[in-house]
Amino acid sequence: MLISKRALDRISADILRVIAGESVDFRNNREGALSALRNDIHTLARLKNEQVEALVRDKAVLRDTLADISHQLKTPLTSMMIMAELLESAPPEKHTEFIENIKSGLARTQWLVTAMLKLAKLDSGAVEFSRAMVSSGKVIGRALEPLGILLELKNQRVERAGEAELFCDLRWTAEALSNILKNASEYSPTESVIRVGAGENPICAWISVADRGKGLTREELSSVFKRFEGSRADAGYGIGLPMALSIMRGQNGDVSAENAEGGAVFTLKFYK
């Protein structure tokens, strides 16, 4: 089959348009080698555009992440610099206090950087979740491990009820739940009880965390999972709950928040 020079020139011109960033539809429904060639070129052009769009998204995520890290680090770093300057001229009896404040600032900064890097990995899709069937009790136990000191300092206890089998990544899901439990502890009074439940229905398996705080206002309910906006604590960054949401959505799950008698309830949902 002969292909005219005019047809080839048209394809060549369309390819140059794609290279220049334009969107071109090469496809047609005719039979023959030329139509097959146009359809193949269209497939290649579509793949090229998808790759370019993915690179643009990744670049935007990196830019936003770097801006967020820079903004969030500014306050604790400034505070530690002031403390370090004051330490030089402070009386000896103040040295221990200032050093402890600097240590606390360094610990918070380390946590912030680690959390931001994890969020960046989640946002860019770089996390590969290793999902398997695991009991809710194992996830809850793993999530409570890093919170022992916090619960002890506030003399709080955790009551557990129910059991469910979850299809999830144990390590990442425990981190999501740990963030929610930490939030519950921070907003519950000392000597209170945090209730953790588990169960399943025809749609999903779930783990719920009920705190004993003041509950959530309408504005807080709408922003509690928004990055850098949802924190109600003076010392909070508004990262833990958004991270929990990203982790769950990365596993075809979700997190919801609602008010209940005596506080707020956060529920991790694992869809079947």
C-alpha atoms as a PDB file:
ATOM      1  CA  MET A   1       0.000   0.000   0.000  1.00  0.00           C
ATOM      2  CA  LEU A   2       1.379   3.378  -1.015  1.00  0.00           C
ATOM      3  CA  ILE A   3       1.216   6.229   1.471  1.00  0.00           C
ATOM      4  CA  SER A   4       1.126   9.716   0.028  1.00  0.00           C
ATOM      5  CA  LYS A   5       3.744  12.284   0.905  1.00  0.00           C
ATOM      6  CA  ARG A   6       0.945  14.609   1.949  1.00  0.00           C
ATOM      7  CA  ALA A   7      -0.298  12.101   4.548  1.00  0.00           C
ATOM      8  CA  LEU A   8       3.221  11.614   5.916  1.00  0.00           C
ATOM      9  CA  ASP A   9       3.776  15.364   6.076  1.00  0.00           C
ATOM     10  CA  ARG A  10       0.560  15.723   8.054  1.00  0.00           C
ATOM     11  CA  ILE A  11       1.650  13.037  10.553  1.00  0.00           C
ATOM     12  CA  SER A  12       5.078  14.669  10.836  1.00  0.00           C
ATOM     13  CA  ALA A  13       3.486  18.058  11.515  1.00  0.00           C
ATOM     14  CA  ASP A  14       1.207  16.540  14.173  1.00  0.00           C
ATOM     15  CA  ILE A  15       4.182  14.862  15.871  1.00  0.00           C
ATOM     16  CA  LEU A  16       5.976  18.221  16.027  1.00  0.00           C
ATOM     17  CA  ARG A  17       2.858  19.701  17.661  1.00  0.00           C
ATOM     18  CA  VAL A  18       2.918  16.957  20.315  1.00  0.00           C
ATOM     19  CA  ILE A  19       6.625  17.619  20.968  1.00  0.00           C
ATOM     20  CA  ALA A  20       5.742  21.295  21.421  1.00  0.00           C
ATOM     21  CA  GLY A  21       3.237  20.330  24.117  1.00  0.00           C
ATOM     22  CA  GLU A  22      -0.022  20.456  22.174  1.00  0.00           C
ATOM     23  CA  SER A  23      -2.721  17.800  22.459  1.00  0.00           C
ATOM     24  CA  VAL A  24      -3.298  16.007  19.144  1.00  0.00           C
ATOM     25  CA  ASP A  25      -5.667  13.135  18.400  1.00  0.00           C
ATOM     26  CA  PHE A  26      -4.046  10.945  15.737  1.00  0.00           C
ATOM     27  CA  ARG A  27      -6.728   8.272  15.755  1.00  0.00           C
ATOM     28  CA  ASN A  28      -9.130   7.394  12.959  1.00  0.00           C
ATOM     29  CA  ASN A  29     -11.384   4.418  12.320  1.00  0.00           C
ATOM     30  CA  ARG A  30     -10.263   3.665   8.810  1.00  0.00           C
ATOM     31  CA  GLU A  31      -8.579   0.445   7.756  1.00  0.00           C
ATOM     32  CA  GLY A  32      -5.078   0.143   6.449  1.00  0.00           C
ATOM     33  CA  ALA A  33      -1.463   0.558   7.490  1.00  0.00           C
ATOM     34  CA  LEU A  34      -1.639   4.342   7.733  1.00  0.00           C
ATOM     35  CA  SER A  35      -4.536   4.209  10.186  1.00  0.00           C
ATOM     36  CA  ALA A  36      -2.734   1.588  12.266  1.00  0.00           C
ATOM     37  CA  LEU A  37       0.354   3.813  12.295  1.00  0.00           C
ATOM     38  CA  ARG A  38      -1.692   6.836  13.405  1.00  0.00           C
ATOM     39  CA  ASN A  39      -3.286   4.821  16.224  1.00  0.00           C
ATOM     40  CA  ASP A  40       0.126   3.602  17.423  1.00  0.00           C
ATOM     41  CA  ILE A  41       1.483   7.142  17.370  1.00  0.00           C
ATOM     42  CA  HIS A  42      -1.563   8.296  19.346  1.00  0.00           C
ATOM     43  CA  THR A  43      -0.807   5.667  22.004  1.00  0.00           C
ATOM     44  CA  LEU A  44       2.806   6.817  22.251  1.00  0.00           C
ATOM     45  CA  ALA A  45       1.742  10.467  22.441  1.00  0.00           C
ATOM     46  CA  ARG A  46      -0.755   9.674  25.227  1.00  0.00           C
ATOM     47  CA  LEU A  47       1.902   7.814  27.230  1.00  0.00           C
ATOM     48  CA  LYS A  48       4.313  10.700  26.744  1.00  0.00           C
ATOM     49  CA  ASN A  49       1.730  13.205  27.974  1.00  0.00           C
ATOM     50  CA  GLU A  50       0.920  11.055  31.016  1.00  0.00           C
ATOM     51  CA  GLN A  51       4.615  10.846  31.915  1.00  0.00           C
ATOM     52  CA  VAL A  52       5.009  14.606  31.561  1.00  0.00           C
ATOM     53  CA  GLU A  53       1.950  15.203  33.746  1.00  0.00           C
ATOM     54  CA  ALA A  54       3.312  12.795  36.379  1.00  0.00           C
ATOM     55  CA  LEU A  55       6.652  14.626  36.391  1.00  0.00           C
ATOM     56  CA  VAL A  56       4.864  17.958  36.774  1.00  0.00           C
ATOM     57  CA  ARG A  57       2.852  16.598  39.707  1.00  0.00           C
ATOM     58  CA  ASP A  58       5.959  15.160  41.359  1.00  0.00           C
ATOM     59  CA  LYS A  59       7.753  18.474  40.922  1.00  0.00           C
ATOM     60  CA  ALA A  60       4.830  20.325  42.478  1.00  0.00           C
ATOM     61  CA  VAL A  61       4.765  17.890  45.420  1.00  0.00           C
ATOM     62  CA  LEU A  62       8.508  18.367  45.959  1.00  0.00           C
ATOM     63  CA  ARG A  63       8.199  22.153  45.739  1.00  0.00           C
ATOM     64  CA  ASP A  64       5.290  22.257  48.180  1.00  0.00           C
ATOM     65  CA  THR A  65       6.989  19.840  50.569  1.00  0.00           C
ATOM     66  CA  LEU A  66      10.186  21.879  50.664  1.00  0.00           C
ATOM     67  CA  ALA A  67       8.161  25.047  51.237  1.00  0.00           C
ATOM     68  CA  ASP A  68       6.202  23.361  54.038  1.00  0.00           C
ATOM     69  CA  ILE A  69       9.346  22.045  55.728  1.00  0.00           C
ATOM     70  CA  SER A  70      11.006  25.455  55.493  1.00  0.00           C
ATOM     71  CA  HIS A  71       7.965  27.213  56.937  1.00  0.00           C
ATOM     72  CA  GLN A  72       7.415  24.729  59.756  1.00  0.00           C
ATOM     73  CA  LEU A  73      11.081  24.620  60.773  1.00  0.00           C
ATOM     74  CA  LYS A  74      11.367  28.391  61.037  1.00  0.00           C
ATOM     75  CA  THR A  75       9.632  28.714  64.413  1.00  0.00           C
ATOM     76  CA  PRO A  76      11.462  25.978  66.393  1.00  0.00           C
ATOM     77  CA  LEU A  77      14.840  26.904  64.885  1.00  0.00           C
ATOM     78  CA  THR A  78      14.342  30.575  65.741  1.00  0.00           C
ATOM     79  CA  SER A  79      13.351  29.633  69.292  1.00  0.00           C
ATOM     80  CA  MET A  80      16.445  27.457  69.742  1.00  0.00           C
ATOM     81  CA  MET A  81      18.733  30.157  68.348  1.00  0.00           C
ATOM     82  CA  ILE A  82      17.338  32.654  70.865  1.00  0.00           C
ATOM     83  CA  MET A  83      17.811  30.144  73.686  1.00  0.00           C
ATOM     84  CA  ALA A  84      21.407  29.490  72.601  1.00  0.00           C
ATOM     85  CA  GLU A  85      22.166  33.230  72.575  1.00  0.00           C
ATOM     86  CA  LEU A  86      20.568  33.731  75.988  1.00  0.00           C
ATOM     87  CA  LEU A  87      22.520  30.783  77.353  1.00  0.00           C
ATOM     88  CA  GLU A  88      25.805  32.650  76.894  1.00  0.00           C
ATOM     89  CA  SER A  89      24.824  35.449  79.264  1.00  0.00           C
ATOM     90  CA  ALA A  90      22.323  33.613  81.477  1.00  0.00           C
ATOM     91  CA  PRO A  91      23.143  32.964  85.157  1.00  0.00           C
ATOM     92  CA  PRO A  92      24.292  29.413  85.954  1.00  0.00           C
ATOM     93  CA  GLU A  93      20.985  28.504  87.600  1.00  0.00           C
ATOM     94  CA  LYS A  94      19.211  29.088  84.259  1.00  0.00           C
ATOM     95  CA  HIS A  95      21.553  26.917  82.196  1.00  0.00           C
ATOM     96  CA  THR A  96      19.734  23.651  82.896  1.00  0.00           C
ATOM     97  CA  GLU A  97      16.345  25.152  81.974  1.00  0.00           C
ATOM     98  CA  PHE A  98      17.619  26.600  78.694  1.00  0.00           C
ATOM     99  CA  ILE A  99      19.432  23.389  77.748  1.00  0.00           C
ATOM    100  CA  GLU A 100      16.276  21.348  78.392  1.00  0.00           C
ATOM    101  CA  ASN A 101      14.285  23.749  76.211  1.00  0.00           C
ATOM    102  CA  ILE A 102      16.829  23.386  73.419  1.00  0.00           C
ATOM    103  CA  LYS A 103      16.723  19.575  73.735  1.00  0.00           C
ATOM    104  CA  SER A 104      12.935  19.658  73.547  1.00  0.00           C
ATOM    105  CA  GLY A 105      13.102  21.879  70.459  1.00  0.00           C
ATOM    106  CA  LEU A 106      15.571  19.529  68.785  1.00  0.00           C
ATOM    107  CA  ALA A 107      13.342  16.519  69.497  1.00  0.00           C
ATOM    108  CA  ARG A 108      10.284  18.287  68.072  1.00  0.00           C
ATOM    109  CA  THR A 109      12.268  19.396  65.018  1.00  0.00           C
ATOM    110  CA  GLN A 110      13.486  15.854  64.404  1.00  0.00           C
ATOM    111  CA  TRP A 111       9.907  14.557  64.627  1.00  0.00           C
ATOM    112  CA  LEU A 112       8.684  17.284  62.277  1.00  0.00           C
ATOM    113  CA  VAL A 113      11.295  16.561  59.605  1.00  0.00           C
ATOM    114  CA  THR A 114      10.640  12.811  59.812  1.00  0.00           C
ATOM    115  CA  ALA A 115       6.883  13.324  59.530  1.00  0.00           C
ATOM    116  CA  MET A 116       7.230  15.709  56.590  1.00  0.00           C
ATOM    117  CA  LEU A 117       9.458  13.279  54.710  1.00  0.00           C
ATOM    118  CA  LYS A 118       6.938  10.500  55.289  1.00  0.00           C
ATOM    119  CA  LEU A 119       4.160  12.749  53.992  1.00  0.00           C
ATOM    120  CA  ALA A 120       6.242  13.538  50.913  1.00  0.00           C
ATOM    121  CA  LYS A 121       6.674   9.818  50.213  1.00  0.00           C
ATOM    122  CA  LEU A 122       2.942   9.246  50.621  1.00  0.00           C
ATOM    123  CA  ASP A 123       2.040  12.204  48.405  1.00  0.00           C
ATOM    124  CA  SER A 124       4.362  11.095  45.614  1.00  0.00           C
ATOM    125  CA  GLY A 125       3.106   7.506  45.669  1.00  0.00           C
ATOM    126  CA  ALA A 126       6.571   6.221  46.630  1.00  0.00           C
ATOM    127  CA  VAL A 127       5.225   4.056  49.451  1.00  0.00           C
ATOM    128  CA  GLU A 128       4.583   0.422  48.556  1.00  0.00           C
ATOM    129  CA  PHE A 129       2.096  -0.978  51.067  1.00  0.00           C
ATOM    130  CA  SER A 130       2.619  -4.645  51.976  1.00  0.00           C
ATOM    131  CA  ARG A 131      -0.962  -5.607  52.757  1.00  0.00           C
ATOM    132  CA  ALA A 132      -1.922  -8.845  54.481  1.00  0.00           C
ATOM    133  CA  MET A 133      -4.596 -10.080  56.855  1.00  0.00           C
ATOM    134  CA  VAL A 134      -3.794  -9.015  60.405  1.00  0.00           C
ATOM    135  CA  SER A 135      -5.843  -8.801  63.588  1.00  0.00           C
ATOM    136  CA  SER A 136      -6.994  -5.437  64.882  1.00  0.00           C
ATOM    137  CA  GLY A 137      -5.495  -6.346  68.253  1.00  0.00           C
ATOM    138  CA  LYS A 138      -2.025  -6.604  66.722  1.00  0.00           C
ATOM    139  CA  VAL A 139      -2.397  -3.230  64.995  1.00  0.00           C
ATOM    140  CA  ILE A 140      -3.649  -1.571  68.183  1.00  0.00           C
ATOM    141  CA  GLY A 141      -0.841  -3.090  70.241  1.00  0.00           C
ATOM    142  CA  ARG A 142       1.796  -1.873  67.786  1.00  0.00           C
ATOM    143  CA  ALA A 143       0.210   1.612  67.701  1.00  0.00           C
ATOM    144  CA  LEU A 144       0.249   1.929  71.503  1.00  0.00           C
ATOM    145  CA  GLU A 145       3.940   1.030  71.892  1.00  0.00           C
ATOM    146  CA  PRO A 146       5.381   4.548  71.329  1.00  0.00           C
ATOM    147  CA  LEU A 147       2.681   6.196  73.455  1.00  0.00           C
ATOM    148  CA  GLY A 148       3.396   4.511  76.774  1.00  0.00           C
ATOM    149  CA  ILE A 149       5.209   7.472  78.338  1.00  0.00           C
ATOM    150  CA  LEU A 150       2.599  10.002  77.167  1.00  0.00           C
ATOM    151  CA  LEU A 151      -0.258   7.932  78.613  1.00  0.00           C
ATOM    152  CA  GLU A 152       1.646   7.396  81.848  1.00  0.00           C
ATOM    153  CA  LEU A 153       2.413  11.093  82.297  1.00  0.00           C
ATOM    154  CA  LYS A 154      -1.285  11.915  81.962  1.00  0.00           C
ATOM    155  CA  ASN A 155      -2.341   8.871  83.962  1.00  0.00           C
ATOM    156  CA  GLN A 156      -4.620   7.784  81.141  1.00  0.00           C
ATOM    157  CA  ARG A 157      -5.665   4.278  80.285  1.00  0.00           C
ATOM    158  CA  VAL A 158      -6.916   2.654  77.114  1.00  0.00           C
ATOM    159  CA  GLU A 159      -9.957   0.374  77.109  1.00  0.00           C
ATOM    160  CA  ARG A 160     -10.249  -2.011  74.163  1.00  0.00           C
ATOM    161  CA  ALA A 161     -13.353  -3.742  72.873  1.00  0.00           C
ATOM    162  CA  GLY A 162     -14.126  -5.842  69.820  1.00  0.00           C
ATOM    163  CA  GLU A 163     -11.939  -7.565  67.261  1.00  0.00           C
ATOM    164  CA  ALA A 164     -11.677  -7.566  63.482  1.00  0.00           C
ATOM    165  CA  GLU A 165      -9.491  -8.964  60.725  1.00  0.00           C
ATOM    166  CA  LEU A 166      -7.933  -6.189  58.654  1.00  0.00           C
ATOM    167  CA  PHE A 167      -6.329  -6.342  55.214  1.00  0.00           C
ATOM    168  CA  CYS A 168      -3.604  -3.748  55.627  1.00  0.00           C
ATOM    169  CA  ASP A 169       0.075  -2.921  55.954  1.00  0.00           C
ATOM    170  CA  LEU A 170       0.787  -3.518  59.645  1.00  0.00           C
ATOM    171  CA  ARG A 171       3.629  -0.998  60.054  1.00  0.00           C
ATOM    172  CA  TRP A 172       2.017   1.908  58.216  1.00  0.00           C
ATOM    173  CA  THR A 173      -1.457   1.280  59.639  1.00  0.00           C
ATOM    174  CA  ALA A 174      -0.049   1.174  63.165  1.00  0.00           C
ATOM    175  CA  GLU A 175       1.579   4.539  62.483  1.00  0.00           C
ATOM    176  CA  ALA A 176      -1.739   5.991  61.303  1.00  0.00           C
ATOM    177  CA  LEU A 177      -3.543   4.663  64.383  1.00  0.00           C
ATOM    178  CA  SER A 178      -0.724   5.854  66.669  1.00  0.00           C
ATOM    179  CA  ASN A 179      -1.187   9.402  65.366  1.00  0.00           C
ATOM    180  CA  ILE A 180      -4.900   9.229  66.113  1.00  0.00           C
ATOM    181  CA  LEU A 181      -4.297   7.787  69.591  1.00  0.00           C
ATOM    182  CA  LYS A 182      -1.725  10.504  70.305  1.00  0.00           C
ATOM    183  CA  ASN A 183      -4.301  13.099  69.257  1.00  0.00           C
ATOM    184  CA  ALA A 184      -6.877  11.495  71.569  1.00  0.00           C
ATOM    185  CA  SER A 185      -4.450  11.565  74.493  1.00  0.00           C
ATOM    186  CA  GLU A 186      -3.482  15.201  73.933  1.00  0.00           C
ATOM    187  CA  TYR A 187      -7.098  16.399  73.935  1.00  0.00           C
ATOM    188  CA  SER A 188      -8.334  14.205  76.772  1.00  0.00           C
ATOM    189  CA  PRO A 189      -7.917  15.298  80.405  1.00  0.00           C
ATOM    190  CA  THR A 190      -5.590  13.563  82.832  1.00  0.00           C
ATOM    191  CA  GLU A 191      -6.875  10.376  84.469  1.00  0.00           C
ATOM    192  CA  SER A 192      -9.328   9.801  81.619  1.00  0.00           C
ATOM    193  CA  VAL A 193     -10.157   6.715  79.575  1.00  0.00           C
ATOM    194  CA  ILE A 194      -9.580   6.460  75.817  1.00  0.00           C
ATOM    195  CA  ARG A 195     -11.816   3.827  74.248  1.00  0.00           C
ATOM    196  CA  VAL A 196     -10.606   1.847  71.239  1.00  0.00           C
ATOM    197  CA  GLY A 197     -13.128  -0.358  69.468  1.00  0.00           C
ATOM    198  CA  ALA A 198     -12.939  -2.692  66.487  1.00  0.00           C
ATOM    199  CA  GLY A 199     -15.457  -4.535  64.355  1.00  0.00           C
ATOM    200  CA  GLU A 200     -16.678  -5.121  60.853  1.00  0.00           C
ATOM    201  CA  ASN A 201     -19.793  -4.874  58.712  1.00  0.00           C
ATOM    202  CA  PRO A 202     -20.608  -5.902  55.131  1.00  0.00           C
ATOM    203  CA  ILE A 203     -18.789  -2.823  53.783  1.00  0.00           C
ATOM    204  CA  CYS A 204     -15.663  -2.510  55.883  1.00  0.00           C
ATOM    205  CA  ALA A 205     -13.698  -3.505  58.934  1.00  0.00           C
ATOM    206  CA  TRP A 206     -12.936  -0.647  61.324  1.00  0.00           C
ATOM    207  CA  ILE A 207     -11.051   0.614  64.342  1.00  0.00           C
ATOM    208  CA  SER A 208     -12.475   3.539  66.318  1.00  0.00           C
ATOM    209  CA  VAL A 209     -10.816   5.823  68.874  1.00  0.00           C
ATOM    210  CA  ALA A 210     -13.055   7.808  71.248  1.00  0.00           C
ATOM    211  CA  ASP A 211     -11.415  10.570  73.283  1.00  0.00           C
ATOM    212  CA  ARG A 212     -12.749  12.485  76.280  1.00  0.00           C
ATOM    213  CA  GLY A 213     -12.065  15.976  74.976  1.00  0.00           C
ATOM    214  CA  LYS A 214     -14.408  18.842  74.244  1.00  0.00           C
ATOM    215  CA  GLY A 215     -15.416  17.511  70.841  1.00  0.00           C
ATOM    216  CA  LEU A 216     -15.015  19.269  67.512  1.00  0.00           C
ATOM    217  CA  THR A 217     -16.638  22.489  66.333  1.00  0.00           C
ATOM    218  CA  ARG A 218     -18.149  22.632  62.853  1.00  0.00           C
ATOM    219  CA  GLU A 219     -15.058  24.473  61.609  1.00  0.00           C
ATOM    220  CA  GLU A 220     -12.729  21.895  63.167  1.00  0.00           C
ATOM    221  CA  LEU A 221     -14.666  19.024  61.616  1.00  0.00           C
ATOM    222  CA  SER A 222     -14.164  20.563  58.180  1.00  0.00           C
ATOM    223  CA  SER A 223     -10.424  21.148  58.623  1.00  0.00           C
ATOM    224  CA  VAL A 224      -9.228  18.455  61.029  1.00  0.00           C
ATOM    225  CA  PHE A 225      -7.564  16.473  58.223  1.00  0.00           C
ATOM    226  CA  LYS A 226      -6.131  19.510  56.428  1.00  0.00           C
ATOM    227  CA  ARG A 227      -2.375  19.807  56.686  1.00  0.00           C
ATOM    228  CA  PHE A 228      -1.121  22.475  59.134  1.00  0.00           C
ATOM    229  CA  GLU A 229      -4.706  23.539  59.873  1.00  0.00           C
ATOM    230  CA  GLY A 230      -6.274  20.770  61.919  1.00  0.00           C
ATOM    231  CA  SER A 231      -4.215  21.005  65.096  1.00  0.00           C
ATOM    232  CA  ARG A 232      -6.089  22.318  68.117  1.00  0.00           C
ATOM    233  CA  ALA A 233      -3.025  22.151  70.391  1.00  0.00           C
ATOM    234  CA  ASP A 234      -0.692  25.081  70.870  1.00  0.00           C
ATOM    235  CA  ALA A 235       2.283  22.761  70.368  1.00  0.00           C
ATOM    236  CA  GLY A 236       0.752  20.883  67.431  1.00  0.00           C
ATOM    237  CA  TYR A 237       1.688  21.076  63.783  1.00  0.00           C
ATOM    238  CA  GLY A 238      -1.450  19.662  62.176  1.00  0.00           C
ATOM    239  CA  ILE A 239       0.440  16.774  60.548  1.00  0.00           C
ATOM    240  CA  GLY A 240      -0.526  13.600  62.414  1.00  0.00           C
ATOM    241  CA  LEU A 241      -4.154  13.346  61.306  1.00  0.00           C
ATOM    242  CA  PRO A 242      -3.484  14.259  57.646  1.00  0.00           C
ATOM    243  CA  MET A 243      -0.758  11.595  57.617  1.00  0.00           C
ATOM    244  CA  ALA A 244      -3.202   9.033  59.017  1.00  0.00           C
ATOM    245  CA  LEU A 245      -5.660   9.911  56.255  1.00  0.00           C
ATOM    246  CA  SER A 246      -2.970   9.595  53.545  1.00  0.00           C
ATOM    247  CA  ILE A 247      -1.911   6.201  54.892  1.00  0.00           C
ATOM    248  CA  MET A 248      -5.456   4.879  54.938  1.00  0.00           C
ATOM    249  CA  ARG A 249      -6.380   6.196  51.492  1.00  0.00           C
ATOM    250  CA  GLY A 250      -3.183   4.681  50.136  1.00  0.00           C
ATOM    251  CA  GLN A 251      -4.614   1.313  51.216  1.00  0.00           C
ATOM    252  CA  ASN A 252      -8.111   1.857  49.788  1.00  0.00           C
ATOM    253  CA  GLY A 253      -9.355   2.940  53.201  1.00  0.00           C
ATOM    254  CA  ASP A 254     -10.474   6.130  54.909  1.00  0.00           C
ATOM    255  CA  VAL A 255     -10.624   7.995  58.226  1.00  0.00           C
ATOM    256  CA  SER A 256     -13.663   9.863  59.508  1.00  0.00           C
ATOM    257  CA  ALA A 257     -14.261  12.141  62.489  1.00  0.00           C
ATOM    258  CA  GLU A 258     -17.458  12.924  64.349  1.00  0.00           C
ATOM    259  CA  ASN A 259     -18.659  14.123  67.706  1.00  0.00           C
ATOM    260  CA  ALA A 260     -20.019  11.703  70.251  1.00  0.00           C
ATOM    261  CA  GLU A 261     -21.136  11.956  73.855  1.00  0.00           C
ATOM    262  CA  GLY A 262     -18.142  13.026  75.899  1.00  0.00           C
ATOM    263  CA  GLY A 263     -15.728  13.826  73.085  1.00  0.00           C
ATOM    264  CA  ALA A 264     -14.797  13.022  69.487  1.00  0.00           C
ATOM    265  CA  VAL A 265     -14.555   9.701  67.664  1.00  0.00           C
ATOM    266  CA  PHE A 266     -12.103   8.950  64.857  1.00  0.00           C
ATOM    267  CA  THR A 267     -12.703   5.823  62.796  1.00  0.00           C
ATOM    268  CA  LEU A 268     -10.258   4.038  60.494  1.00  0.00           C
ATOM    269  CA  LYS A 269     -12.147   2.174  57.783  1.00  0.00           C
ATOM    270  CA  PHE A 270     -10.738  -0.762  55.827  1.00  0.00           C
ATOM    271  CA  TYR A 271     -13.042  -1.353  52.851  1.00  0.00           C
ATOM    272  CA  LYS A 272     -13.626  -4.906  51.719  1.00  0.00           C
END
